[in-house]
PDB file of N, CA and C in Angstrom:
ATOM      1  N   UNK A   1      29.010  -4.362 -16.112  1.00  0.00           N
ATOM      2  CA  UNK A   1      28.861  -3.799 -14.983  1.00  0.00           C
ATOM      3  C   UNK A   1      28.138  -2.501 -14.780  1.00  0.00           C
ATOM      4  N   UNK A   2      28.543  -1.705 -15.639  1.00  0.00           N
ATOM      5  CA  UNK A   2      28.191  -0.204 -15.843  1.00  0.00           C
ATOM      6  C   UNK A   2      26.570  -0.389 -16.396  1.00  0.00           C
ATOM      7  N   UNK A   3      26.358  -1.399 -17.146  1.00  0.00           N
ATOM      8  CA  UNK A   3      24.879  -1.459 -17.455  1.00  0.00           C
ATOM      9  C   UNK A   3      23.947  -1.871 -16.342  1.00  0.00           C
ATOM     10  N   UNK A   4      24.464  -2.816 -15.445  1.00  0.00           N
ATOM     11  CA  UNK A   4      23.666  -3.021 -14.308  1.00  0.00           C
ATOM     12  C   UNK A   4      23.387  -1.833 -13.434  1.00  0.00           C
ATOM     13  N   UNK A   5      24.493  -0.975 -13.148  1.00  0.00           N
ATOM     14  CA  UNK A   5      24.330   0.180 -12.280  1.00  0.00           C
ATOM     15  C   UNK A   5      23.383   1.162 -13.008  1.00  0.00           C
ATOM     16  N   UNK A   6      23.414   1.279 -14.352  1.00  0.00           N
ATOM     17  CA  UNK A   6      22.583   2.236 -15.021  1.00  0.00           C
ATOM     18  C   UNK A   6      21.223   1.722 -14.826  1.00  0.00           C
ATOM     19  N   UNK A   7      20.869   0.439 -15.126  1.00  0.00           N
ATOM     20  CA  UNK A   7      19.551  -0.115 -15.055  1.00  0.00           C
ATOM     21  C   UNK A   7      19.041   0.246 -13.730  1.00  0.00           C
ATOM     22  N   UNK A   8      19.899  -0.073 -12.650  1.00  0.00           N
ATOM     23  CA  UNK A   8      19.396   0.081 -11.240  1.00  0.00           C
ATOM     24  C   UNK A   8      18.961   1.520 -10.946  1.00  0.00           C
ATOM     25  N   UNK A   9      19.767   2.525 -11.539  1.00  0.00           N
ATOM     26  CA  UNK A   9      19.534   3.939 -11.301  1.00  0.00           C
ATOM     27  C   UNK A   9      18.171   4.318 -11.978  1.00  0.00           C
ATOM     28  N   UNK A  10      18.004   3.677 -13.162  1.00  0.00           N
ATOM     29  CA  UNK A  10      16.719   3.877 -13.898  1.00  0.00           C
ATOM     30  C   UNK A  10      15.458   3.441 -13.149  1.00  0.00           C
ATOM     31  N   UNK A  11      15.751   2.200 -12.597  1.00  0.00           N
ATOM     32  CA  UNK A  11      14.581   1.635 -11.772  1.00  0.00           C
ATOM     33  C   UNK A  11      14.297   2.380 -10.563  1.00  0.00           C
ATOM     34  N   UNK A  12      15.297   2.884  -9.922  1.00  0.00           N
ATOM     35  CA  UNK A  12      15.234   3.674  -8.778  1.00  0.00           C
ATOM     36  C   UNK A  12      14.523   5.082  -9.068  1.00  0.00           C
ATOM     37  N   UNK A  13      15.006   5.583 -10.066  1.00  0.00           N
ATOM     38  CA  UNK A  13      14.173   6.964 -10.623  1.00  0.00           C
ATOM     39  C   UNK A  13      12.801   6.690 -10.849  1.00  0.00           C
ATOM     40  N   UNK A  14      12.494   5.522 -11.517  1.00  0.00           N
ATOM     41  CA  UNK A  14      11.052   5.299 -11.923  1.00  0.00           C
ATOM     42  C   UNK A  14      10.378   5.077 -10.595  1.00  0.00           C
ATOM     43  N   UNK A  15      10.936   4.408  -9.658  1.00  0.00           N
ATOM     44  CA  UNK A  15      10.228   4.103  -8.442  1.00  0.00           C
ATOM     45  C   UNK A  15       9.964   5.322  -7.619  1.00  0.00           C
ATOM     46  N   UNK A  16      10.903   6.299  -7.528  1.00  0.00           N
ATOM     47  CA  UNK A  16      10.823   7.486  -6.815  1.00  0.00           C
ATOM     48  C   UNK A  16       9.659   8.337  -7.478  1.00  0.00           C
ATOM     49  N   UNK A  17       9.667   8.293  -8.804  1.00  0.00           N
ATOM     50  CA  UNK A  17       8.685   9.126  -9.540  1.00  0.00           C
ATOM     51  C   UNK A  17       7.235   8.468  -9.242  1.00  0.00           C
ATOM     52  N   UNK A  18       7.066   7.200  -9.335  1.00  0.00           N
ATOM     53  CA  UNK A  18       5.745   6.639  -8.975  1.00  0.00           C
ATOM     54  C   UNK A  18       5.353   6.848  -7.468  1.00  0.00           C
ATOM     55  N   UNK A  19       6.302   6.815  -6.639  1.00  0.00           N
ATOM     56  CA  UNK A  19       5.952   7.180  -5.218  1.00  0.00           C
ATOM     57  C   UNK A  19       5.561   8.605  -5.012  1.00  0.00           C
ATOM     58  N   UNK A  20       6.379   9.414  -5.736  1.00  0.00           N
ATOM     59  CA  UNK A  20       5.917  10.975  -5.656  1.00  0.00           C
ATOM     60  C   UNK A  20       4.563  11.210  -6.190  1.00  0.00           C
ATOM     61  N   UNK A  21       4.198  10.567  -7.364  1.00  0.00           N
ATOM     62  CA  UNK A  21       3.024  10.871  -7.880  1.00  0.00           C
ATOM     63  C   UNK A  21       1.798  10.299  -6.998  1.00  0.00           C
ATOM     64  N   UNK A  22       2.006   9.069  -6.352  1.00  0.00           N
ATOM     65  CA  UNK A  22       0.984   8.509  -5.498  1.00  0.00           C
ATOM     66  C   UNK A  22       0.854   9.412  -4.184  1.00  0.00           C
ATOM     67  N   UNK A  23       1.886   9.885  -3.835  1.00  0.00           N
ATOM     68  CA  UNK A  23       1.852  10.764  -2.565  1.00  0.00           C
ATOM     69  C   UNK A  23       1.083  12.042  -2.893  1.00  0.00           C
ATOM     70  N   UNK A  24       1.292  12.567  -4.061  1.00  0.00           N
ATOM     71  CA  UNK A  24       0.530  13.833  -4.329  1.00  0.00           C
ATOM     72  C   UNK A  24      -0.953  13.549  -4.580  1.00  0.00           C
ATOM     73  N   UNK A  25      -1.218  12.482  -5.342  1.00  0.00           N
ATOM     74  CA  UNK A  25      -2.555  12.204  -5.384  1.00  0.00           C
ATOM     75  C   UNK A  25      -3.371  11.827  -4.044  1.00  0.00           C
ATOM     76  N   UNK A  26      -2.684  11.240  -3.114  1.00  0.00           N
ATOM     77  CA  UNK A  26      -3.163  10.945  -1.792  1.00  0.00           C
ATOM     78  C   UNK A  26      -3.408  12.277  -0.909  1.00  0.00           C
ATOM     79  N   UNK A  27      -2.314  13.171  -1.100  1.00  0.00           N
ATOM     80  CA  UNK A  27      -2.594  14.523  -0.465  1.00  0.00           C
ATOM     81  C   UNK A  27      -3.826  15.245  -0.930  1.00  0.00           C
ATOM     82  N   UNK A  28      -3.907  15.241  -2.288  1.00  0.00           N
ATOM     83  CA  UNK A  28      -5.084  16.047  -2.909  1.00  0.00           C
ATOM     84  C   UNK A  28      -6.451  15.472  -2.569  1.00  0.00           C
ATOM     85  N   UNK A  29      -6.534  14.045  -2.366  1.00  0.00           N
ATOM     86  CA  UNK A  29      -7.754  13.407  -1.922  1.00  0.00           C
ATOM     87  C   UNK A  29      -8.106  13.893  -0.434  1.00  0.00           C
ATOM     88  N   UNK A  30      -7.060  13.957   0.375  1.00  0.00           N
ATOM     89  CA  UNK A  30      -7.329  14.340   1.713  1.00  0.00           C
ATOM     90  C   UNK A  30      -7.940  15.837   1.836  1.00  0.00           C
ATOM     91  N   UNK A  31      -7.360  16.708   0.912  1.00  0.00           N
ATOM     92  CA  UNK A  31      -7.663  18.044   0.952  1.00  0.00           C
ATOM     93  C   UNK A  31      -9.165  18.194   0.502  1.00  0.00           C
ATOM     94  N   UNK A  32      -9.695  17.474  -0.468  1.00  0.00           N
ATOM     95  CA  UNK A  32     -10.991  17.524  -1.030  1.00  0.00           C
ATOM     96  C   UNK A  32     -11.925  16.993   0.177  1.00  0.00           C
ATOM     97  N   UNK A  33     -11.594  16.053   1.056  1.00  0.00           N
ATOM     98  CA  UNK A  33     -12.438  15.550   2.029  1.00  0.00           C
ATOM     99  C   UNK A  33     -12.534  16.592   3.099  1.00  0.00           C
ATOM    100  N   UNK A  34     -11.440  17.358   3.423  1.00  0.00           N
ATOM    101  CA  UNK A  34     -11.519  18.450   4.383  1.00  0.00           C
ATOM    102  C   UNK A  34     -12.301  19.571   4.020  1.00  0.00           C
ATOM    103  N   UNK A  35     -12.175  19.867   2.621  1.00  0.00           N
ATOM    104  CA  UNK A  35     -12.887  20.988   2.098  1.00  0.00           C
ATOM    105  C   UNK A  35     -14.445  20.697   2.061  1.00  0.00           C
ATOM    106  N   UNK A  36     -14.772  19.541   1.786  1.00  0.00           N
ATOM    107  CA  UNK A  36     -16.164  19.096   1.863  1.00  0.00           C
ATOM    108  C   UNK A  36     -16.799  19.201   3.261  1.00  0.00           C
ATOM    109  N   UNK A  37     -16.091  18.768   4.287  1.00  0.00           N
ATOM    110  CA  UNK A  37     -16.626  18.874   5.509  1.00  0.00           C
ATOM    111  C   UNK A  37     -16.529  20.222   5.965  1.00  0.00           C
ATOM    112  N   UNK A  38     -15.635  21.112   5.738  1.00  0.00           N
ATOM    113  CA  UNK A  38     -15.665  22.623   6.110  1.00  0.00           C
ATOM    114  C   UNK A  38     -16.777  23.347   5.344  1.00  0.00           C
ATOM    115  N   UNK A  39     -17.108  23.005   4.201  1.00  0.00           N
ATOM    116  CA  UNK A  39     -18.059  23.573   3.540  1.00  0.00           C
ATOM    117  C   UNK A  39     -19.388  23.335   4.117  1.00  0.00           C
ATOM    118  N   UNK A  40     -19.636  22.200   4.711  1.00  0.00           N
ATOM    119  CA  UNK A  40     -20.954  21.790   5.258  1.00  0.00           C
ATOM    120  C   UNK A  40     -21.005  22.074   6.670  1.00  0.00           C
ATOM    121  N   UNK A  41     -21.245  23.468   6.933  1.00  0.00           N
ATOM    122  CA  UNK A  41     -21.291  23.988   8.348  1.00  0.00           C
ATOM    123  C   UNK A  41     -22.721  23.964   8.874  1.00  0.00           C
ATOM    124  N   UNK A  42     -23.641  23.178   8.275  1.00  0.00           N
ATOM    125  CA  UNK A  42     -24.986  23.123   8.809  1.00  0.00           C
ATOM    126  C   UNK A  42     -25.185  22.056   9.719  1.00  0.00           C
ATOM    127  N   UNK A  43     -24.092  21.351  10.131  1.00  0.00           N
ATOM    128  CA  UNK A  43     -24.386  20.051  11.053  1.00  0.00           C
ATOM    129  C   UNK A  43     -24.478  20.886  12.577  1.00  0.00           C
ATOM    130  N   UNK A  44     -25.512  20.207  13.253  1.00  0.00           N
ATOM    131  CA  UNK A  44     -25.738  20.583  14.589  1.00  0.00           C
ATOM    132  C   UNK A  44     -25.930  19.387  15.483  1.00  0.00           C
ATOM    133  N   UNK A  45     -25.601  19.626  16.847  1.00  0.00           N
ATOM    134  CA  UNK A  45     -25.896  18.544  17.773  1.00  0.00           C
ATOM    135  C   UNK A  45     -27.246  18.401  18.124  1.00  0.00           C
ATOM    136  N   UNK A  46     -27.878  17.194  18.131  1.00  0.00           N
ATOM    137  CA  UNK A  46     -29.080  17.009  18.583  1.00  0.00           C
ATOM    138  C   UNK A  46     -29.230  16.889  20.111  1.00  0.00           C
ATOM    139  N   UNK A  47     -29.960  17.768  20.945  1.00  0.00           N
ATOM    140  CA  UNK A  47     -29.969  17.505  22.280  1.00  0.00           C
ATOM    141  C   UNK A  47     -30.656  16.222  22.797  1.00  0.00           C
ATOM    142  N   UNK A  48     -30.564  15.834  23.944  1.00  0.00           N
ATOM    143  CA  UNK A  48     -31.332  14.717  24.526  1.00  0.00           C
ATOM    144  C   UNK A  48     -32.844  14.867  24.421  1.00  0.00           C
ATOM    145  N   UNK A  49     -33.266  16.108  24.712  1.00  0.00           N
ATOM    146  CA  UNK A  49     -34.812  16.289  24.648  1.00  0.00           C
ATOM    147  C   UNK A  49     -35.183  16.132  23.335  1.00  0.00           C
ATOM    148  N   UNK A  50     -34.557  16.657  22.181  1.00  0.00           N
ATOM    149  CA  UNK A  50     -34.840  16.696  20.857  1.00  0.00           C
ATOM    150  C   UNK A  50     -34.916  15.207  20.395  1.00  0.00           C
ATOM    151  N   UNK A  51     -33.892  14.321  20.876  1.00  0.00           N
ATOM    152  CA  UNK A  51     -33.850  12.970  20.402  1.00  0.00           C
ATOM    153  C   UNK A  51     -35.069  12.246  21.031  1.00  0.00           C
ATOM    154  N   UNK A  52     -35.401  12.486  22.202  1.00  0.00           N
ATOM    155  CA  UNK A  52     -36.504  11.819  22.751  1.00  0.00           C
ATOM    156  C   UNK A  52     -37.948  12.211  21.974  1.00  0.00           C
ATOM    157  N   UNK A  53     -37.992  13.474  21.580  1.00  0.00           N
ATOM    158  CA  UNK A  53     -39.218  13.853  21.093  1.00  0.00           C
ATOM    159  C   UNK A  53     -39.353  13.263  19.630  1.00  0.00           C
ATOM    160  N   UNK A  54     -38.135  13.126  18.953  1.00  0.00           N
ATOM    161  CA  UNK A  54     -38.023  12.708  17.568  1.00  0.00           C
ATOM    162  C   UNK A  54     -38.393  11.155  17.526  1.00  0.00           C
ATOM    163  N   UNK A  55     -37.847  10.420  18.532  1.00  0.00           N
ATOM    164  CA  UNK A  55     -38.023   9.054  18.585  1.00  0.00           C
ATOM    165  C   UNK A  55     -39.515   8.658  18.927  1.00  0.00           C
ATOM    166  N   UNK A  56     -39.948   9.489  19.787  1.00  0.00           N
ATOM    167  CA  UNK A  56     -41.573   9.312  20.230  1.00  0.00           C
ATOM    168  C   UNK A  56     -42.444   9.530  19.064  1.00  0.00           C
ATOM    169  N   UNK A  57     -42.029  10.722  18.262  1.00  0.00           N
ATOM    170  CA  UNK A  57     -42.851  10.923  17.085  1.00  0.00           C
ATOM    171  C   UNK A  57     -42.682   9.882  16.040  1.00  0.00           C
ATOM    172  N   UNK A  58     -41.468   9.346  15.994  1.00  0.00           N
ATOM    173  CA  UNK A  58     -41.216   8.201  14.959  1.00  0.00           C
ATOM    174  C   UNK A  58     -42.121   6.948  15.310  1.00  0.00           C
ATOM    175  N   UNK A  59     -42.303   6.694  16.696  1.00  0.00           N
ATOM    176  CA  UNK A  59     -43.102   5.532  17.142  1.00  0.00           C
ATOM    177  C   UNK A  59     -44.526   5.744  16.702  1.00  0.00           C
ATOM    178  N   UNK A  60     -44.977   6.974  16.859  1.00  0.00           N
ATOM    179  CA  UNK A  60     -46.257   7.352  16.572  1.00  0.00           C
ATOM    180  C   UNK A  60     -46.629   7.234  15.211  1.00  0.00           C
ATOM    181  N   UNK A  61     -45.781   7.685  14.262  1.00  0.00           N
ATOM    182  CA  UNK A  61     -45.930   7.599  12.714  1.00  0.00           C
ATOM    183  C   UNK A  61     -45.727   6.198  12.250  1.00  0.00           C
ATOM    184  N   UNK A  62     -45.114   5.388  13.066  1.00  0.00           N
ATOM    185  CA  UNK A  62     -44.969   4.105  12.613  1.00  0.00           C
ATOM    186  C   UNK A  62     -45.754   2.992  13.365  1.00  0.00           C
ATOM    187  N   UNK A  63     -47.008   3.464  13.979  1.00  0.00           N
ATOM    188  CA  UNK A  63     -47.785   2.600  14.734  1.00  0.00           C
ATOM    189  C   UNK A  63     -48.459   1.401  14.008  1.00  0.00           C
ATOM    190  N   UNK A  64     -48.461   1.435  12.705  1.00  0.00           N
ATOM    191  CA  UNK A  64     -48.935   0.168  11.941  1.00  0.00           C
ATOM    192  C   UNK A  64     -47.985  -0.890  12.097  1.00  0.00           C
ATOM    193  N   UNK A  65     -46.586  -0.437  12.106  1.00  0.00           N
ATOM    194  CA  UNK A  65     -45.686  -1.561  12.273  1.00  0.00           C
ATOM    195  C   UNK A  65     -45.249  -1.605  13.663  1.00  0.00           C
ATOM    196  N   UNK A  66     -45.328  -2.761  14.480  1.00  0.00           N
ATOM    197  CA  UNK A  66     -44.887  -2.740  15.631  1.00  0.00           C
ATOM    198  C   UNK A  66     -43.411  -2.834  15.723  1.00  0.00           C
ATOM    199  N   UNK A  67     -42.764  -2.023  16.294  1.00  0.00           N
ATOM    200  CA  UNK A  67     -41.256  -1.906  16.221  1.00  0.00           C
ATOM    201  C   UNK A  67     -40.718  -2.971  17.003  1.00  0.00           C
ATOM    202  N   UNK A  68     -39.718  -3.647  16.466  1.00  0.00           N
ATOM    203  CA  UNK A  68     -39.017  -4.746  17.142  1.00  0.00           C
ATOM    204  C   UNK A  68     -37.619  -3.999  17.771  1.00  0.00           C
ATOM    205  N   UNK A  69     -37.491  -2.858  17.764  1.00  0.00           N
ATOM    206  CA  UNK A  69     -36.348  -2.143  18.223  1.00  0.00           C
ATOM    207  C   UNK A  69     -36.687  -1.456  19.589  1.00  0.00           C
ATOM    208  N   UNK A  70     -35.755  -1.824  20.618  1.00  0.00           N
ATOM    209  CA  UNK A  70     -35.804  -1.093  21.864  1.00  0.00           C
ATOM    210  C   UNK A  70     -34.676  -0.431  22.054  1.00  0.00           C
ATOM    211  N   UNK A  71     -34.871   0.745  22.804  1.00  0.00           N
ATOM    212  CA  UNK A  71     -33.664   1.654  23.152  1.00  0.00           C
ATOM    213  C   UNK A  71     -33.881   2.300  24.429  1.00  0.00           C
ATOM    214  N   UNK A  72     -32.917   2.849  25.123  1.00  0.00           N
ATOM    215  CA  UNK A  72     -33.031   3.484  26.347  1.00  0.00           C
ATOM    216  C   UNK A  72     -32.194   4.857  26.171  1.00  0.00           C
ATOM    217  N   UNK A  73     -33.278   5.852  26.015  1.00  0.00           N
ATOM    218  CA  UNK A  73     -32.732   7.308  25.825  1.00  0.00           C
ATOM    219  C   UNK A  73     -31.720   7.814  26.780  1.00  0.00           C
ATOM    220  N   UNK A  74     -31.959   7.225  28.051  1.00  0.00           N
ATOM    221  CA  UNK A  74     -30.986   7.673  29.340  1.00  0.00           C
ATOM    222  C   UNK A  74     -29.601   7.438  28.938  1.00  0.00           C
ATOM    223  N   UNK A  75     -29.341   6.397  28.090  1.00  0.00           N
ATOM    224  CA  UNK A  75     -27.892   5.910  27.862  1.00  0.00           C
ATOM    225  C   UNK A  75     -27.321   6.460  26.603  1.00  0.00           C
ATOM    226  N   UNK A  76     -27.877   7.735  26.183  1.00  0.00           N
ATOM    227  CA  UNK A  76     -27.387   8.570  25.093  1.00  0.00           C
ATOM    228  C   UNK A  76     -25.978   8.989  25.326  1.00  0.00           C
ATOM    229  N   UNK A  77     -25.148   8.918  24.179  1.00  0.00           N
ATOM    230  CA  UNK A  77     -23.780   9.311  24.303  1.00  0.00           C
ATOM    231  C   UNK A  77     -23.561  10.273  23.101  1.00  0.00           C
ATOM    232  N   UNK A  78     -22.837  11.233  23.408  1.00  0.00           N
ATOM    233  CA  UNK A  78     -22.391  12.210  22.354  1.00  0.00           C
ATOM    234  C   UNK A  78     -20.974  11.941  21.948  1.00  0.00           C
ATOM    235  N   UNK A  79     -20.605  11.766  20.639  1.00  0.00           N
ATOM    236  CA  UNK A  79     -19.346  11.456  20.098  1.00  0.00           C
ATOM    237  C   UNK A  79     -18.960  12.716  19.120  1.00  0.00           C
ATOM    238  N   UNK A  80     -17.649  12.966  19.320  1.00  0.00           N
ATOM    239  CA  UNK A  80     -17.247  14.005  18.362  1.00  0.00           C
ATOM    240  C   UNK A  80     -17.146  13.616  16.822  1.00  0.00           C
ATOM    241  N   UNK A  81     -17.397  14.786  16.208  1.00  0.00           N
ATOM    242  CA  UNK A  81     -17.371  14.674  14.753  1.00  0.00           C
ATOM    243  C   UNK A  81     -16.071  15.305  14.321  1.00  0.00           C
ATOM    244  N   UNK A  82     -15.212  14.650  13.478  1.00  0.00           N
ATOM    245  CA  UNK A  82     -13.953  15.111  13.028  1.00  0.00           C
ATOM    246  C   UNK A  82     -14.205  16.346  12.201  1.00  0.00           C
ATOM    247  N   UNK A  83     -13.314  17.426  12.570  1.00  0.00           N
ATOM    248  CA  UNK A  83     -13.409  18.771  11.831  1.00  0.00           C
ATOM    249  C   UNK A  83     -14.683  19.431  12.047  1.00  0.00           C
ATOM    250  N   UNK A  84     -15.313  19.264  13.083  1.00  0.00           N
ATOM    251  CA  UNK A  84     -16.505  20.002  13.371  1.00  0.00           C
ATOM    252  C   UNK A  84     -16.788  20.344  14.783  1.00  0.00           C
ATOM    253  N   UNK A  85     -17.437  21.181  15.347  1.00  0.00           N
ATOM    254  CA  UNK A  85     -17.760  21.438  16.646  1.00  0.00           C
ATOM    255  C   UNK A  85     -19.032  20.691  17.022  1.00  0.00           C
ATOM    256  N   UNK A  86     -19.794  20.175  16.265  1.00  0.00           N
ATOM    257  CA  UNK A  86     -20.898  19.336  16.428  1.00  0.00           C
ATOM    258  C   UNK A  86     -20.615  17.937  17.088  1.00  0.00           C
ATOM    259  N   UNK A  87     -21.589  17.317  17.765  1.00  0.00           N
ATOM    260  CA  UNK A  87     -21.396  15.953  18.190  1.00  0.00           C
ATOM    261  C   UNK A  87     -22.558  15.058  17.600  1.00  0.00           C
ATOM    262  N   UNK A  88     -22.337  13.799  17.537  1.00  0.00           N
ATOM    263  CA  UNK A  88     -23.260  12.864  17.041  1.00  0.00           C
ATOM    264  C   UNK A  88     -23.892  12.332  18.329  1.00  0.00           C
ATOM    265  N   UNK A  89     -25.150  12.172  18.234  1.00  0.00           N
ATOM    266  CA  UNK A  89     -25.983  11.595  19.358  1.00  0.00           C
ATOM    267  C   UNK A  89     -25.972  10.024  19.018  1.00  0.00           C
ATOM    268  N   UNK A  90     -25.588   9.170  19.913  1.00  0.00           N
ATOM    269  CA  UNK A  90     -25.608   7.841  19.747  1.00  0.00           C
ATOM    270  C   UNK A  90     -26.464   7.161  20.838  1.00  0.00           C
ATOM    271  N   UNK A  91     -27.434   6.377  20.447  1.00  0.00           N
ATOM    272  CA  UNK A  91     -28.286   5.705  21.330  1.00  0.00           C
ATOM    273  C   UNK A  91     -28.208   4.250  21.222  1.00  0.00           C
ATOM    274  N   UNK A  92     -27.678   3.542  22.225  1.00  0.00           N
ATOM    275  CA  UNK A  92     -27.576   1.940  22.082  1.00  0.00           C
ATOM    276  C   UNK A  92     -28.991   1.497  22.056  1.00  0.00           C
ATOM    277  N   UNK A  93     -29.241   0.438  21.113  1.00  0.00           N
ATOM    278  CA  UNK A  93     -30.576  -0.112  20.902  1.00  0.00           C
ATOM    279  C   UNK A  93     -30.423  -1.613  20.639  1.00  0.00           C
ATOM    280  N   UNK A  94     -31.365  -2.371  20.859  1.00  0.00           N
ATOM    281  CA  UNK A  94     -31.400  -3.851  20.488  1.00  0.00           C
ATOM    282  C   UNK A  94     -32.723  -4.397  19.970  1.00  0.00           C
ATOM    283  N   UNK A  95     -32.679  -5.444  19.288  1.00  0.00           N
ATOM    284  CA  UNK A  95     -33.941  -5.956  18.791  1.00  0.00           C
ATOM    285  C   UNK A  95     -34.591  -6.904  19.858  1.00  0.00           C
ATOM    286  N   UNK A  96     -36.022  -6.869  19.985  1.00  0.00           N
ATOM    287  CA  UNK A  96     -36.672  -7.480  21.140  1.00  0.00           C
ATOM    288  C   UNK A  96     -36.395  -8.975  21.073  1.00  0.00           C
ATOM    289  N   UNK A  97     -36.581  -9.557  19.912  1.00  0.00           N
ATOM    290  CA  UNK A  97     -36.547 -11.112  20.037  1.00  0.00           C
ATOM    291  C   UNK A  97     -35.308 -11.674  19.426  1.00  0.00           C
ATOM    292  N   UNK A  98     -34.227 -10.962  19.600  1.00  0.00           N
ATOM    293  CA  UNK A  98     -32.939 -11.247  19.096  1.00  0.00           C
ATOM    294  C   UNK A  98     -31.853 -10.851  19.998  1.00  0.00           C
ATOM    295  N   UNK A  99     -30.703 -11.457  19.860  1.00  0.00           N
ATOM    296  CA  UNK A  99     -29.513 -10.821  20.657  1.00  0.00           C
ATOM    297  C   UNK A  99     -28.685  -9.866  19.978  1.00  0.00           C
ATOM    298  N   UNK A 100     -29.138  -9.245  18.795  1.00  0.00           N
ATOM    299  CA  UNK A 100     -28.527  -8.293  18.023  1.00  0.00           C
ATOM    300  C   UNK A 100     -28.535  -6.875  18.708  1.00  0.00           C
ATOM    301  N   UNK A 101     -27.519  -6.281  18.594  1.00  0.00           N
ATOM    302  CA  UNK A 101     -27.372  -4.924  19.145  1.00  0.00           C
ATOM    303  C   UNK A 101     -26.931  -3.988  18.057  1.00  0.00           C
ATOM    304  N   UNK A 102     -27.568  -2.828  18.187  1.00  0.00           N
ATOM    305  CA  UNK A 102     -27.308  -1.777  17.136  1.00  0.00           C
ATOM    306  C   UNK A 102     -27.286  -0.328  17.865  1.00  0.00           C
ATOM    307  N   UNK A 103     -27.202   0.721  16.955  1.00  0.00           N
ATOM    308  CA  UNK A 103     -27.210   2.067  17.602  1.00  0.00           C
ATOM    309  C   UNK A 103     -28.070   2.903  16.738  1.00  0.00           C
ATOM    310  N   UNK A 104     -28.567   3.652  17.388  1.00  0.00           N
ATOM    311  CA  UNK A 104     -29.443   4.841  16.648  1.00  0.00           C
ATOM    312  C   UNK A 104     -28.530   6.137  16.593  1.00  0.00           C
ATOM    313  N   UNK A 105     -28.352   6.720  15.476  1.00  0.00           N
ATOM    314  CA  UNK A 105     -27.444   7.792  15.324  1.00  0.00           C
ATOM    315  C   UNK A 105     -28.311   9.040  14.907  1.00  0.00           C
ATOM    316  N   UNK A 106     -28.187  10.133  15.671  1.00  0.00           N
ATOM    317  CA  UNK A 106     -29.050  11.236  15.300  1.00  0.00           C
ATOM    318  C   UNK A 106     -28.113  12.605  15.260  1.00  0.00           C
ATOM    319  N   UNK A 107     -28.454  13.340  14.116  1.00  0.00           N
ATOM    320  CA  UNK A 107     -27.596  14.554  13.857  1.00  0.00           C
ATOM    321  C   UNK A 107     -28.687  15.525  13.081  1.00  0.00           C
ATOM    322  N   UNK A 108     -28.406  16.762  13.504  1.00  0.00           N
ATOM    323  CA  UNK A 108     -29.229  17.778  12.621  1.00  0.00           C
ATOM    324  C   UNK A 108     -28.409  18.344  11.439  1.00  0.00           C
ATOM    325  N   UNK A 109     -29.048  18.207  10.214  1.00  0.00           N
ATOM    326  CA  UNK A 109     -28.495  18.703   8.981  1.00  0.00           C
ATOM    327  C   UNK A 109     -29.378  19.650   8.470  1.00  0.00           C
ATOM    328  N   UNK A 110     -29.110  20.936   8.320  1.00  0.00           N
ATOM    329  CA  UNK A 110     -30.042  22.083   7.873  1.00  0.00           C
ATOM    330  C   UNK A 110     -31.209  22.064   8.810  1.00  0.00           C
ATOM    331  N   UNK A 111     -31.046  22.113  10.101  1.00  0.00           N
ATOM    332  CA  UNK A 111     -32.059  22.076  11.058  1.00  0.00           C
ATOM    333  C   UNK A 111     -33.191  21.117  10.950  1.00  0.00           C
ATOM    334  N   UNK A 112     -32.804  19.963  10.419  1.00  0.00           N
ATOM    335  CA  UNK A 112     -33.617  18.706  10.296  1.00  0.00           C
ATOM    336  C   UNK A 112     -32.919  17.650  10.847  1.00  0.00           C
ATOM    337  N   UNK A 113     -33.692  16.741  11.673  1.00  0.00           N
ATOM    338  CA  UNK A 113     -33.020  15.523  12.435  1.00  0.00           C
ATOM    339  C   UNK A 113     -33.052  14.436  11.405  1.00  0.00           C
TER     340      UNK A 113
END
């Protein structure tokens, strides 16, 4: 009987040890992600006007390829970015000859869209 109790305590101690180690590793991983986001302070929100200009310039530069993608810049939506004051510009889009829907995401990184 004492052997069973001793074995159970050893198993319990081992389980608690593994749980503690996994919890420690998980917390360290979260810290690294937060530090990476905080260190990258060059993120900026793209305005509606900048989005329109960028997409128009893209159409001109891709004139050899007739784009199958249509979008409506008036339906632009700005979504919050975690751990940042910037917002992500989201423009709904769809393919011309298909029922597939997608989104165009725009963000300024180091002052480049």
